[in-house]
Amino acid sequence: MPSHMKMFGFLCLGALLAAAALPAHASPQVRGDQEAAREGRAQGRLLPLREIESRVVPAMTRKGAQYLGFDFDSGTMIYTLKFLRNGSVIWIDVDGRSGQIVGQSGR
């Protein structure tokens, strides 16, 4: 292999390693939502995620759904829990203040 090709390969490898070492940053909106959720829980205005999950996840898993995770919207104080069942995604919207289900989409 010619030396210039080896040099190019080493440069590419170096760039790849440098890029992998950079920290991944959450978007400003995600950080804002996380901070709002933390503050809401600390002030007693928002139920902890674990409590929200304990109300919804068991019922959905009994129906054959797999829990995928959640999103939180600080503007509405709504947790959106995501599930997968029979190849379809189901979103359950839960009011973070009351723990009540306020919406569902998907099957």
C-alpha atoms as a PDB file:
ATOM      1  CA  MET A   1       0.000   0.000   0.000  1.00  0.00           C
ATOM      2  CA  PRO A   2       1.478   3.415  -0.906  1.00  0.00           C
ATOM      3  CA  SER A   3       2.502   5.611   2.015  1.00  0.00           C
ATOM      4  CA  HIS A   4       0.054   8.405   1.137  1.00  0.00           C
ATOM      5  CA  MET A   5      -2.844   5.929   1.441  1.00  0.00           C
ATOM      6  CA  LYS A   6      -1.593   4.812   4.850  1.00  0.00           C
ATOM      7  CA  MET A   7      -1.325   8.456   5.934  1.00  0.00           C
ATOM      8  CA  PHE A   8      -4.874   9.109   4.727  1.00  0.00           C
ATOM      9  CA  GLY A   9      -6.103   6.046   6.621  1.00  0.00           C
ATOM     10  CA  PHE A  10      -4.431   7.213   9.828  1.00  0.00           C
ATOM     11  CA  LEU A  11      -5.919  10.697   9.419  1.00  0.00           C
ATOM     12  CA  CYS A  12      -9.399   9.235   8.936  1.00  0.00           C
ATOM     13  CA  LEU A  13      -8.962   6.991  11.956  1.00  0.00           C
ATOM     14  CA  GLY A  14      -7.758   9.930  14.046  1.00  0.00           C
ATOM     15  CA  ALA A  15     -10.719  12.059  12.995  1.00  0.00           C
ATOM     16  CA  LEU A  16     -13.123   9.241  13.802  1.00  0.00           C
ATOM     17  CA  LEU A  17     -11.630   8.720  17.257  1.00  0.00           C
ATOM     18  CA  ALA A  18     -11.676  12.450  17.979  1.00  0.00           C
ATOM     19  CA  ALA A  19     -15.336  12.707  16.967  1.00  0.00           C
ATOM     20  CA  ALA A  20     -16.254   9.719  19.133  1.00  0.00           C
ATOM     21  CA  ALA A  21     -14.627  11.382  22.141  1.00  0.00           C
ATOM     22  CA  LEU A  22     -16.816  14.483  21.893  1.00  0.00           C
ATOM     23  CA  PRO A  23     -19.670  14.579  24.404  1.00  0.00           C
ATOM     24  CA  ALA A  24     -23.174  14.198  23.086  1.00  0.00           C
ATOM     25  CA  HIS A  25     -25.274  17.234  23.960  1.00  0.00           C
ATOM     26  CA  ALA A  26     -29.008  17.219  24.472  1.00  0.00           C
ATOM     27  CA  SER A  27     -30.963  19.875  22.651  1.00  0.00           C
ATOM     28  CA  PRO A  28     -31.831  23.009  24.644  1.00  0.00           C
ATOM     29  CA  GLN A  29     -35.509  21.932  24.645  1.00  0.00           C
ATOM     30  CA  VAL A  30     -34.685  18.522  26.158  1.00  0.00           C
ATOM     31  CA  ARG A  31     -32.498  20.103  28.843  1.00  0.00           C
ATOM     32  CA  GLY A  32     -35.246  22.626  29.581  1.00  0.00           C
ATOM     33  CA  ASP A  33     -37.877  19.904  29.892  1.00  0.00           C
ATOM     34  CA  GLN A  34     -35.627  17.852  32.168  1.00  0.00           C
ATOM     35  CA  GLU A  35     -34.943  20.855  34.390  1.00  0.00           C
ATOM     36  CA  ALA A  36     -38.651  21.743  34.534  1.00  0.00           C
ATOM     37  CA  ALA A  37     -39.498  18.164  35.523  1.00  0.00           C
ATOM     38  CA  ARG A  38     -36.834  18.191  38.237  1.00  0.00           C
ATOM     39  CA  GLU A  39     -38.079  21.515  39.621  1.00  0.00           C
ATOM     40  CA  GLY A  40     -41.720  20.404  39.464  1.00  0.00           C
ATOM     41  CA  ARG A  41     -40.957  17.251  41.454  1.00  0.00           C
ATOM     42  CA  ALA A  42     -38.895  19.188  44.016  1.00  0.00           C
ATOM     43  CA  GLN A  43     -41.739  21.687  44.518  1.00  0.00           C
ATOM     44  CA  GLY A  44     -44.379  18.961  44.753  1.00  0.00           C
ATOM     45  CA  ARG A  45     -46.199  20.160  41.612  1.00  0.00           C
ATOM     46  CA  LEU A  46     -45.291  17.099  39.554  1.00  0.00           C
ATOM     47  CA  LEU A  47     -45.513  13.394  40.314  1.00  0.00           C
ATOM     48  CA  PRO A  48     -42.281  11.405  40.030  1.00  0.00           C
ATOM     49  CA  LEU A  49     -41.856   9.517  36.771  1.00  0.00           C
ATOM     50  CA  ARG A  50     -41.671   6.207  38.666  1.00  0.00           C
ATOM     51  CA  GLU A  51     -45.132   6.836  40.090  1.00  0.00           C
ATOM     52  CA  ILE A  52     -46.530   7.677  36.644  1.00  0.00           C
ATOM     53  CA  GLU A  53     -44.930   4.516  35.238  1.00  0.00           C
ATOM     54  CA  SER A  54     -46.271   2.367  38.088  1.00  0.00           C
ATOM     55  CA  ARG A  55     -49.800   3.462  37.193  1.00  0.00           C
ATOM     56  CA  VAL A  56     -49.582   2.824  33.440  1.00  0.00           C
ATOM     57  CA  VAL A  57     -46.860   0.311  32.563  1.00  0.00           C
ATOM     58  CA  PRO A  58     -48.305  -2.765  34.355  1.00  0.00           C
ATOM     59  CA  ALA A  59     -51.679  -2.408  32.629  1.00  0.00           C
ATOM     60  CA  MET A  60     -50.049  -2.049  29.226  1.00  0.00           C
ATOM     61  CA  THR A  61     -47.688  -4.984  29.725  1.00  0.00           C
ATOM     62  CA  ARG A  62     -50.684  -7.147  30.706  1.00  0.00           C
ATOM     63  CA  LYS A  63     -52.092  -6.231  27.281  1.00  0.00           C
ATOM     64  CA  GLY A  64     -48.909  -7.488  25.608  1.00  0.00           C
ATOM     65  CA  ALA A  65     -47.155  -4.147  25.127  1.00  0.00           C
ATOM     66  CA  GLN A  66     -43.452  -3.534  25.689  1.00  0.00           C
ATOM     67  CA  TYR A  67     -42.491  -0.265  27.440  1.00  0.00           C
ATOM     68  CA  LEU A  68     -40.033   1.760  25.350  1.00  0.00           C
ATOM     69  CA  GLY A  69     -39.569   4.916  27.417  1.00  0.00           C
ATOM     70  CA  PHE A  70     -41.021   8.377  27.866  1.00  0.00           C
ATOM     71  CA  ASP A  71     -40.923  12.024  26.838  1.00  0.00           C
ATOM     72  CA  PHE A  72     -41.861  14.995  28.990  1.00  0.00           C
ATOM     73  CA  ASP A  73     -43.320  18.287  27.762  1.00  0.00           C
ATOM     74  CA  SER A  74     -42.646  21.084  30.245  1.00  0.00           C
ATOM     75  CA  GLY A  75     -45.191  23.362  28.564  1.00  0.00           C
ATOM     76  CA  THR A  76     -48.119  21.050  29.235  1.00  0.00           C
ATOM     77  CA  MET A  77     -46.596  19.009  32.110  1.00  0.00           C
ATOM     78  CA  ILE A  78     -47.524  15.865  30.159  1.00  0.00           C
ATOM     79  CA  TYR A  79     -45.527  12.647  30.211  1.00  0.00           C
ATOM     80  CA  THR A  80     -45.851  10.614  27.015  1.00  0.00           C
ATOM     81  CA  LEU A  81     -45.151   6.937  27.666  1.00  0.00           C
ATOM     82  CA  LYS A  82     -44.270   4.897  24.577  1.00  0.00           C
ATOM     83  CA  PHE A  83     -45.118   1.234  24.068  1.00  0.00           C
ATOM     84  CA  LEU A  84     -44.721  -1.313  21.286  1.00  0.00           C
ATOM     85  CA  ARG A  85     -47.378  -3.961  20.669  1.00  0.00           C
ATOM     86  CA  ASN A  86     -47.701  -6.184  17.601  1.00  0.00           C
ATOM     87  CA  GLY A  87     -45.365  -3.929  15.630  1.00  0.00           C
ATOM     88  CA  SER A  88     -47.330  -0.754  16.405  1.00  0.00           C
ATOM     89  CA  VAL A  89     -46.246   2.120  18.631  1.00  0.00           C
ATOM     90  CA  ILE A  90     -48.720   3.311  21.257  1.00  0.00           C
ATOM     91  CA  TRP A  91     -48.376   6.657  23.024  1.00  0.00           C
ATOM     92  CA  ILE A  92     -50.098   7.215  26.366  1.00  0.00           C
ATOM     93  CA  ASP A  93     -50.291  10.845  27.548  1.00  0.00           C
ATOM     94  CA  VAL A  94     -50.372  11.256  31.321  1.00  0.00           C
ATOM     95  CA  ASP A  95     -50.872  14.514  33.228  1.00  0.00           C
ATOM     96  CA  GLY A  96     -47.755  14.836  35.371  1.00  0.00           C
ATOM     97  CA  ARG A  97     -49.638  16.740  38.084  1.00  0.00           C
ATOM     98  CA  SER A  98     -52.517  14.309  38.630  1.00  0.00           C
ATOM     99  CA  GLY A  99     -51.295  11.044  37.118  1.00  0.00           C
ATOM    100  CA  GLN A 100     -54.467  10.815  35.016  1.00  0.00           C
ATOM    101  CA  ILE A 101     -54.325   9.470  31.467  1.00  0.00           C
ATOM    102  CA  VAL A 102     -55.355  12.348  29.205  1.00  0.00           C
ATOM    103  CA  GLY A 103     -54.822  10.789  25.791  1.00  0.00           C
ATOM    104  CA  GLN A 104     -53.768   7.762  23.788  1.00  0.00           C
ATOM    105  CA  SER A 105     -52.774   7.275  20.186  1.00  0.00           C
ATOM    106  CA  GLY A 106     -51.783   4.214  18.234  1.00  0.00           C
ATOM    107  CA  ARG A 107     -53.187   0.734  18.661  1.00  0.00           C
END
